[in-house]
Amino acid sequence: MSKKESILKAATWLFAKKGFKDASMAELSKLTGAAEGTIFYHFKNKETLFLAVLETVKLKIINDFNGYTARKHFQNGLKMVEEVVSFYLYLAGHSPDLFMLLHRHDAYELAEVNPICREYLEDTYNGLVDIFEKAVNLGKKDGTIGAVPARKMALILFTLTDGLVRFNSYNLYNAGALSSELIASCRRMLASD
């Protein structure tokens, strides 16, 4: 792993744990063993580093989902929704720092004034909602999902799933304990008449 990759990995963890505002470059320097000058050689400033982390997180999550859906053969659209929900919970459980970083409020504060930050956050969430929408459209086509507005329903499904992950991120509730109830609720919402 290159020094730059090592800095990105440690910065992801640090920003996830402390947020953009409270993470310090001195702390990152201690974590990586890289002098602050080395960090600033690779990344112009803290904001640039944070943006690089967000881009990396976006690519990792979307690539993991795209790889998952490309490898799978889904029996039907409803089954795809169920499996996408399950994979989302699985991925959040195995990469908690990525999701904690996305759930921190200061990223959205930065997005209000930094269009690149906003773009990375929007791209991440739109990419995830697109996967849910693809499943809903498949289900509408094969008859396993009723006549629902695909994008709106995808947003609702994503929000339910991500909300449960958010509870888990902040140690408020174990997402795995509600996974079967979440999937059953999705089934009921999507049922064809």
C-alpha atoms as a PDB file:
ATOM      1  CA  MET A   1       0.000   0.000   0.000  1.00  0.00           C
ATOM      2  CA  SER A   2       1.391   3.390  -0.982  1.00  0.00           C
ATOM      3  CA  LYS A   3       1.818   6.206   1.549  1.00  0.00           C
ATOM      4  CA  LYS A   4      -1.072   8.074  -0.093  1.00  0.00           C
ATOM      5  CA  GLU A   5      -3.353   5.021   0.194  1.00  0.00           C
ATOM      6  CA  SER A   6      -2.290   4.565   3.804  1.00  0.00           C
ATOM      7  CA  ILE A   7      -3.168   8.192   4.556  1.00  0.00           C
ATOM      8  CA  LEU A   8      -6.577   7.806   2.848  1.00  0.00           C
ATOM      9  CA  LYS A   9      -7.362   4.643   4.811  1.00  0.00           C
ATOM     10  CA  ALA A  10      -6.415   6.198   8.151  1.00  0.00           C
ATOM     11  CA  ALA A  11      -8.222   9.440   7.275  1.00  0.00           C
ATOM     12  CA  THR A  12     -11.394   7.488   6.490  1.00  0.00           C
ATOM     13  CA  TRP A  13     -11.285   5.930   9.944  1.00  0.00           C
ATOM     14  CA  LEU A  14     -10.457   9.248  11.634  1.00  0.00           C
ATOM     15  CA  PHE A  15     -13.160  11.249   9.833  1.00  0.00           C
ATOM     16  CA  ALA A  16     -15.679   8.483  10.573  1.00  0.00           C
ATOM     17  CA  LYS A  17     -14.815   8.502  14.280  1.00  0.00           C
ATOM     18  CA  LYS A  18     -14.414  12.241  14.840  1.00  0.00           C
ATOM     19  CA  GLY A  19     -16.057  13.965  11.900  1.00  0.00           C
ATOM     20  CA  PHE A  20     -14.514  16.481   9.545  1.00  0.00           C
ATOM     21  CA  LYS A  21     -14.391  19.336  12.050  1.00  0.00           C
ATOM     22  CA  ASP A  22     -12.868  17.463  14.976  1.00  0.00           C
ATOM     23  CA  ALA A  23     -10.324  15.337  13.105  1.00  0.00           C
ATOM     24  CA  SER A  24      -6.866  16.873  13.198  1.00  0.00           C
ATOM     25  CA  MET A  25      -3.976  16.469  10.835  1.00  0.00           C
ATOM     26  CA  ALA A  26      -1.658  16.013  13.830  1.00  0.00           C
ATOM     27  CA  GLU A  27      -3.752  13.016  14.883  1.00  0.00           C
ATOM     28  CA  LEU A  28      -3.668  11.646  11.337  1.00  0.00           C
ATOM     29  CA  SER A  29       0.091  12.090  11.325  1.00  0.00           C
ATOM     30  CA  LYS A  30       0.355   9.975  14.488  1.00  0.00           C
ATOM     31  CA  LEU A  31      -1.932   7.296  13.053  1.00  0.00           C
ATOM     32  CA  THR A  32      -0.015   6.951   9.800  1.00  0.00           C
ATOM     33  CA  GLY A  33       3.504   7.732  10.940  1.00  0.00           C
ATOM     34  CA  ALA A  34       3.626  10.274   8.115  1.00  0.00           C
ATOM     35  CA  ALA A  35       4.766  13.792   8.850  1.00  0.00           C
ATOM     36  CA  GLU A  36       2.095  16.457   8.426  1.00  0.00           C
ATOM     37  CA  GLY A  37       4.183  17.823   5.551  1.00  0.00           C
ATOM     38  CA  THR A  38       3.882  14.455   3.804  1.00  0.00           C
ATOM     39  CA  ILE A  39       0.114  14.497   4.257  1.00  0.00           C
ATOM     40  CA  PHE A  40      -0.046  17.998   2.795  1.00  0.00           C
ATOM     41  CA  TYR A  41       2.247  16.922  -0.046  1.00  0.00           C
ATOM     42  CA  HIS A  42      -0.398  14.396  -1.105  1.00  0.00           C
ATOM     43  CA  PHE A  43      -3.427  16.490  -0.147  1.00  0.00           C
ATOM     44  CA  LYS A  44      -3.411  20.280  -0.332  1.00  0.00           C
ATOM     45  CA  ASN A  45      -5.362  20.748   2.915  1.00  0.00           C
ATOM     46  CA  LYS A  46      -7.770  18.995   5.269  1.00  0.00           C
ATOM     47  CA  GLU A  47     -10.763  19.738   3.036  1.00  0.00           C
ATOM     48  CA  THR A  48      -9.034  18.276  -0.019  1.00  0.00           C
ATOM     49  CA  LEU A  49      -8.209  15.165   1.992  1.00  0.00           C
ATOM     50  CA  PHE A  50     -11.817  14.870   3.145  1.00  0.00           C
ATOM     51  CA  LEU A  51     -13.035  15.154  -0.445  1.00  0.00           C
ATOM     52  CA  ALA A  52     -10.590  12.435  -1.515  1.00  0.00           C
ATOM     53  CA  VAL A  53     -11.932  10.237   1.272  1.00  0.00           C
ATOM     54  CA  LEU A  54     -15.542  10.897   0.192  1.00  0.00           C
ATOM     55  CA  GLU A  55     -14.704  10.034  -3.399  1.00  0.00           C
ATOM     56  CA  THR A  56     -13.008   6.820  -2.282  1.00  0.00           C
ATOM     57  CA  VAL A  57     -15.994   5.907  -0.095  1.00  0.00           C
ATOM     58  CA  LYS A  58     -18.411   6.614  -2.951  1.00  0.00           C
ATOM     59  CA  LEU A  59     -16.443   4.438  -5.364  1.00  0.00           C
ATOM     60  CA  LYS A  60     -16.046   1.608  -2.862  1.00  0.00           C
ATOM     61  CA  ILE A  61     -19.729   1.429  -1.934  1.00  0.00           C
ATOM     62  CA  ILE A  62     -21.062   1.787  -5.478  1.00  0.00           C
ATOM     63  CA  ASN A  63     -18.489  -0.652  -6.894  1.00  0.00           C
ATOM     64  CA  ASP A  64     -19.334  -3.201  -4.190  1.00  0.00           C
ATOM     65  CA  PHE A  65     -23.040  -2.912  -5.014  1.00  0.00           C
ATOM     66  CA  ASN A  66     -22.505  -3.018  -8.763  1.00  0.00           C
ATOM     67  CA  GLY A  67     -20.229  -6.028  -8.396  1.00  0.00           C
ATOM     68  CA  TYR A  68     -22.793  -7.760  -6.196  1.00  0.00           C
ATOM     69  CA  THR A  69     -25.705  -7.151  -8.552  1.00  0.00           C
ATOM     70  CA  ALA A  70     -23.625  -8.126 -11.612  1.00  0.00           C
ATOM     71  CA  ARG A  71     -22.652 -11.480 -10.052  1.00  0.00           C
ATOM     72  CA  LYS A  72     -26.141 -12.358  -8.850  1.00  0.00           C
ATOM     73  CA  HIS A  73     -28.998 -13.814 -10.796  1.00  0.00           C
ATOM     74  CA  PHE A  74     -32.166 -12.558  -9.156  1.00  0.00           C
ATOM     75  CA  GLN A  75     -35.216 -14.786  -9.334  1.00  0.00           C
ATOM     76  CA  ASN A  76     -37.456 -11.726  -9.771  1.00  0.00           C
ATOM     77  CA  GLY A  77     -37.694  -8.052  -8.876  1.00  0.00           C
ATOM     78  CA  LEU A  78     -39.131  -8.599  -5.416  1.00  0.00           C
ATOM     79  CA  LYS A  79     -36.334 -11.044  -4.623  1.00  0.00           C
ATOM     80  CA  MET A  80     -33.828  -8.492  -5.906  1.00  0.00           C
ATOM     81  CA  VAL A  81     -35.234  -5.867  -3.513  1.00  0.00           C
ATOM     82  CA  GLU A  82     -34.918  -8.319  -0.617  1.00  0.00           C
ATOM     83  CA  GLU A  83     -31.366  -9.246  -1.519  1.00  0.00           C
ATOM     84  CA  VAL A  84     -30.295  -5.634  -2.098  1.00  0.00           C
ATOM     85  CA  VAL A  85     -31.646  -4.737   1.367  1.00  0.00           C
ATOM     86  CA  SER A  86     -29.744  -7.697   2.846  1.00  0.00           C
ATOM     87  CA  PHE A  87     -26.555  -6.761   1.022  1.00  0.00           C
ATOM     88  CA  TYR A  88     -26.850  -3.152   2.192  1.00  0.00           C
ATOM     89  CA  LEU A  89     -27.066  -4.334   5.802  1.00  0.00           C
ATOM     90  CA  TYR A  90     -24.196  -6.759   5.223  1.00  0.00           C
ATOM     91  CA  LEU A  91     -21.957  -4.113   3.651  1.00  0.00           C
ATOM     92  CA  ALA A  92     -22.722  -1.582   6.389  1.00  0.00           C
ATOM     93  CA  GLY A  93     -21.855  -4.214   8.989  1.00  0.00           C
ATOM     94  CA  HIS A  94     -18.563  -5.093   7.303  1.00  0.00           C
ATOM     95  CA  SER A  95     -17.544  -1.519   6.447  1.00  0.00           C
ATOM     96  CA  PRO A  96     -18.957   0.521   9.329  1.00  0.00           C
ATOM     97  CA  ASP A  97     -16.486   3.400   8.891  1.00  0.00           C
ATOM     98  CA  LEU A  98     -17.736   4.088   5.381  1.00  0.00           C
ATOM     99  CA  PHE A  99     -21.328   4.404   6.511  1.00  0.00           C
ATOM    100  CA  MET A 100     -20.494   6.317   9.683  1.00  0.00           C
ATOM    101  CA  LEU A 101     -18.631   8.825   7.527  1.00  0.00           C
ATOM    102  CA  LEU A 102     -21.729   9.237   5.344  1.00  0.00           C
ATOM    103  CA  HIS A 103     -23.955   9.620   8.391  1.00  0.00           C
ATOM    104  CA  ARG A 104     -21.947  12.403  10.046  1.00  0.00           C
ATOM    105  CA  HIS A 105     -23.675  15.776   9.926  1.00  0.00           C
ATOM    106  CA  ASP A 106     -20.572  17.855   9.247  1.00  0.00           C
ATOM    107  CA  ALA A 107     -20.231  16.296   5.783  1.00  0.00           C
ATOM    108  CA  TYR A 108     -23.585  17.871   4.903  1.00  0.00           C
ATOM    109  CA  GLU A 109     -22.564  21.203   6.381  1.00  0.00           C
ATOM    110  CA  LEU A 110     -19.499  21.156   4.143  1.00  0.00           C
ATOM    111  CA  ALA A 111     -21.701  20.173   1.189  1.00  0.00           C
ATOM    112  CA  GLU A 112     -23.661  23.408   1.647  1.00  0.00           C
ATOM    113  CA  VAL A 113     -20.575  25.436   0.716  1.00  0.00           C
ATOM    114  CA  ASN A 114     -18.506  22.951  -1.288  1.00  0.00           C
ATOM    115  CA  PRO A 115     -20.090  21.765  -4.552  1.00  0.00           C
ATOM    116  CA  ILE A 116     -17.633  18.868  -4.931  1.00  0.00           C
ATOM    117  CA  CYS A 117     -18.586  17.541  -1.505  1.00  0.00           C
ATOM    118  CA  ARG A 118     -22.256  17.859  -2.416  1.00  0.00           C
ATOM    119  CA  GLU A 119     -21.649  16.072  -5.724  1.00  0.00           C
ATOM    120  CA  TYR A 120     -19.889  13.133  -4.037  1.00  0.00           C
ATOM    121  CA  LEU A 121     -22.669  12.733  -1.465  1.00  0.00           C
ATOM    122  CA  GLU A 122     -25.390  13.007  -4.109  1.00  0.00           C
ATOM    123  CA  ASP A 123     -23.591  10.554  -6.406  1.00  0.00           C
ATOM    124  CA  THR A 124     -23.270   8.049  -3.576  1.00  0.00           C
ATOM    125  CA  TYR A 125     -26.905   8.208  -2.570  1.00  0.00           C
ATOM    126  CA  ASN A 126     -28.236   8.408  -6.124  1.00  0.00           C
ATOM    127  CA  GLY A 127     -26.141   5.378  -7.047  1.00  0.00           C
ATOM    128  CA  LEU A 128     -27.650   3.411  -4.179  1.00  0.00           C
ATOM    129  CA  VAL A 129     -31.208   4.542  -4.891  1.00  0.00           C
ATOM    130  CA  ASP A 130     -30.683   3.625  -8.569  1.00  0.00           C
ATOM    131  CA  ILE A 131     -30.022   0.017  -7.512  1.00  0.00           C
ATOM    132  CA  PHE A 132     -33.251  -0.082  -5.496  1.00  0.00           C
ATOM    133  CA  GLU A 133     -35.102   1.498  -8.441  1.00  0.00           C
ATOM    134  CA  LYS A 134     -33.721  -1.117 -10.828  1.00  0.00           C
ATOM    135  CA  ALA A 135     -35.103  -3.835  -8.556  1.00  0.00           C
ATOM    136  CA  VAL A 136     -38.511  -2.150  -8.307  1.00  0.00           C
ATOM    137  CA  ASN A 137     -38.709  -1.739 -12.094  1.00  0.00           C
ATOM    138  CA  LEU A 138     -37.746  -5.386 -12.584  1.00  0.00           C
ATOM    139  CA  GLY A 139     -40.502  -6.406 -10.167  1.00  0.00           C
ATOM    140  CA  LYS A 140     -43.064  -4.229 -11.894  1.00  0.00           C
ATOM    141  CA  LYS A 141     -42.085  -5.817 -15.198  1.00  0.00           C
ATOM    142  CA  ASP A 142     -42.216  -9.417 -13.928  1.00  0.00           C
ATOM    143  CA  GLY A 143     -45.378  -8.849 -11.857  1.00  0.00           C
ATOM    144  CA  THR A 144     -43.897  -9.455  -8.389  1.00  0.00           C
ATOM    145  CA  ILE A 145     -44.242  -5.773  -7.490  1.00  0.00           C
ATOM    146  CA  GLY A 146     -47.438  -3.763  -7.860  1.00  0.00           C
ATOM    147  CA  ALA A 147     -48.057  -0.502  -9.669  1.00  0.00           C
ATOM    148  CA  VAL A 148     -45.893   1.790  -7.545  1.00  0.00           C
ATOM    149  CA  PRO A 149     -43.893   4.820  -8.661  1.00  0.00           C
ATOM    150  CA  ALA A 150     -40.455   3.225  -9.018  1.00  0.00           C
ATOM    151  CA  ARG A 151     -38.203   6.148  -8.034  1.00  0.00           C
ATOM    152  CA  LYS A 152     -40.320   7.215  -5.082  1.00  0.00           C
ATOM    153  CA  MET A 153     -40.591   3.649  -3.816  1.00  0.00           C
ATOM    154  CA  ALA A 154     -36.837   3.184  -4.278  1.00  0.00           C
ATOM    155  CA  LEU A 155     -36.268   6.287  -2.138  1.00  0.00           C
ATOM    156  CA  ILE A 156     -38.568   4.930   0.564  1.00  0.00           C
ATOM    157  CA  LEU A 157     -36.884   1.511   0.537  1.00  0.00           C
ATOM    158  CA  PHE A 158     -33.460   3.105   0.671  1.00  0.00           C
ATOM    159  CA  THR A 159     -34.501   5.441   3.495  1.00  0.00           C
ATOM    160  CA  LEU A 160     -35.860   2.563   5.582  1.00  0.00           C
ATOM    161  CA  THR A 161     -32.723   0.514   5.056  1.00  0.00           C
ATOM    162  CA  ASP A 162     -30.282   3.368   5.578  1.00  0.00           C
ATOM    163  CA  GLY A 163     -32.222   4.539   8.640  1.00  0.00           C
ATOM    164  CA  LEU A 164     -31.724   1.150  10.249  1.00  0.00           C
ATOM    165  CA  VAL A 165     -28.027   1.280   9.368  1.00  0.00           C
ATOM    166  CA  ARG A 166     -27.836   4.761  10.906  1.00  0.00           C
ATOM    167  CA  PHE A 167     -29.266   3.386  14.177  1.00  0.00           C
ATOM    168  CA  ASN A 168     -26.605   0.705  14.043  1.00  0.00           C
ATOM    169  CA  SER A 169     -23.848   3.241  13.249  1.00  0.00           C
ATOM    170  CA  TYR A 170     -24.639   5.188  16.392  1.00  0.00           C
ATOM    171  CA  ASN A 171     -25.027   2.029  18.503  1.00  0.00           C
ATOM    172  CA  LEU A 172     -28.697   2.745  19.109  1.00  0.00           C
ATOM    173  CA  TYR A 173     -30.005  -0.553  17.768  1.00  0.00           C
ATOM    174  CA  ASN A 174     -28.558  -3.639  16.127  1.00  0.00           C
ATOM    175  CA  ALA A 175     -29.608  -3.492  12.472  1.00  0.00           C
ATOM    176  CA  GLY A 176     -29.331  -7.263  12.110  1.00  0.00           C
ATOM    177  CA  ALA A 177     -32.006  -7.784  14.757  1.00  0.00           C
ATOM    178  CA  LEU A 178     -34.598  -6.104  12.528  1.00  0.00           C
ATOM    179  CA  SER A 179     -33.461  -7.308   9.113  1.00  0.00           C
ATOM    180  CA  SER A 180     -36.197  -9.926   8.665  1.00  0.00           C
ATOM    181  CA  GLU A 181     -38.881  -7.437   9.784  1.00  0.00           C
ATOM    182  CA  LEU A 182     -37.480  -4.836   7.390  1.00  0.00           C
ATOM    183  CA  ILE A 183     -37.609  -7.279   4.478  1.00  0.00           C
ATOM    184  CA  ALA A 184     -41.156  -8.358   5.422  1.00  0.00           C
ATOM    185  CA  SER A 185     -42.228  -4.697   5.498  1.00  0.00           C
ATOM    186  CA  CYS A 186     -40.683  -4.130   2.067  1.00  0.00           C
ATOM    187  CA  ARG A 187     -42.583  -7.144   0.742  1.00  0.00           C
ATOM    188  CA  ARG A 188     -45.879  -5.774   2.070  1.00  0.00           C
ATOM    189  CA  MET A 189     -45.269  -2.311   0.604  1.00  0.00           C
ATOM    190  CA  LEU A 190     -44.398  -3.717  -2.812  1.00  0.00           C
ATOM    191  CA  ALA A 191     -46.973  -6.507  -3.071  1.00  0.00           C
ATOM    192  CA  SER A 192     -48.780  -6.745  -6.373  1.00  0.00           C
ATOM    193  CA  ASP A 193     -52.553  -6.771  -6.072  1.00  0.00           C
END
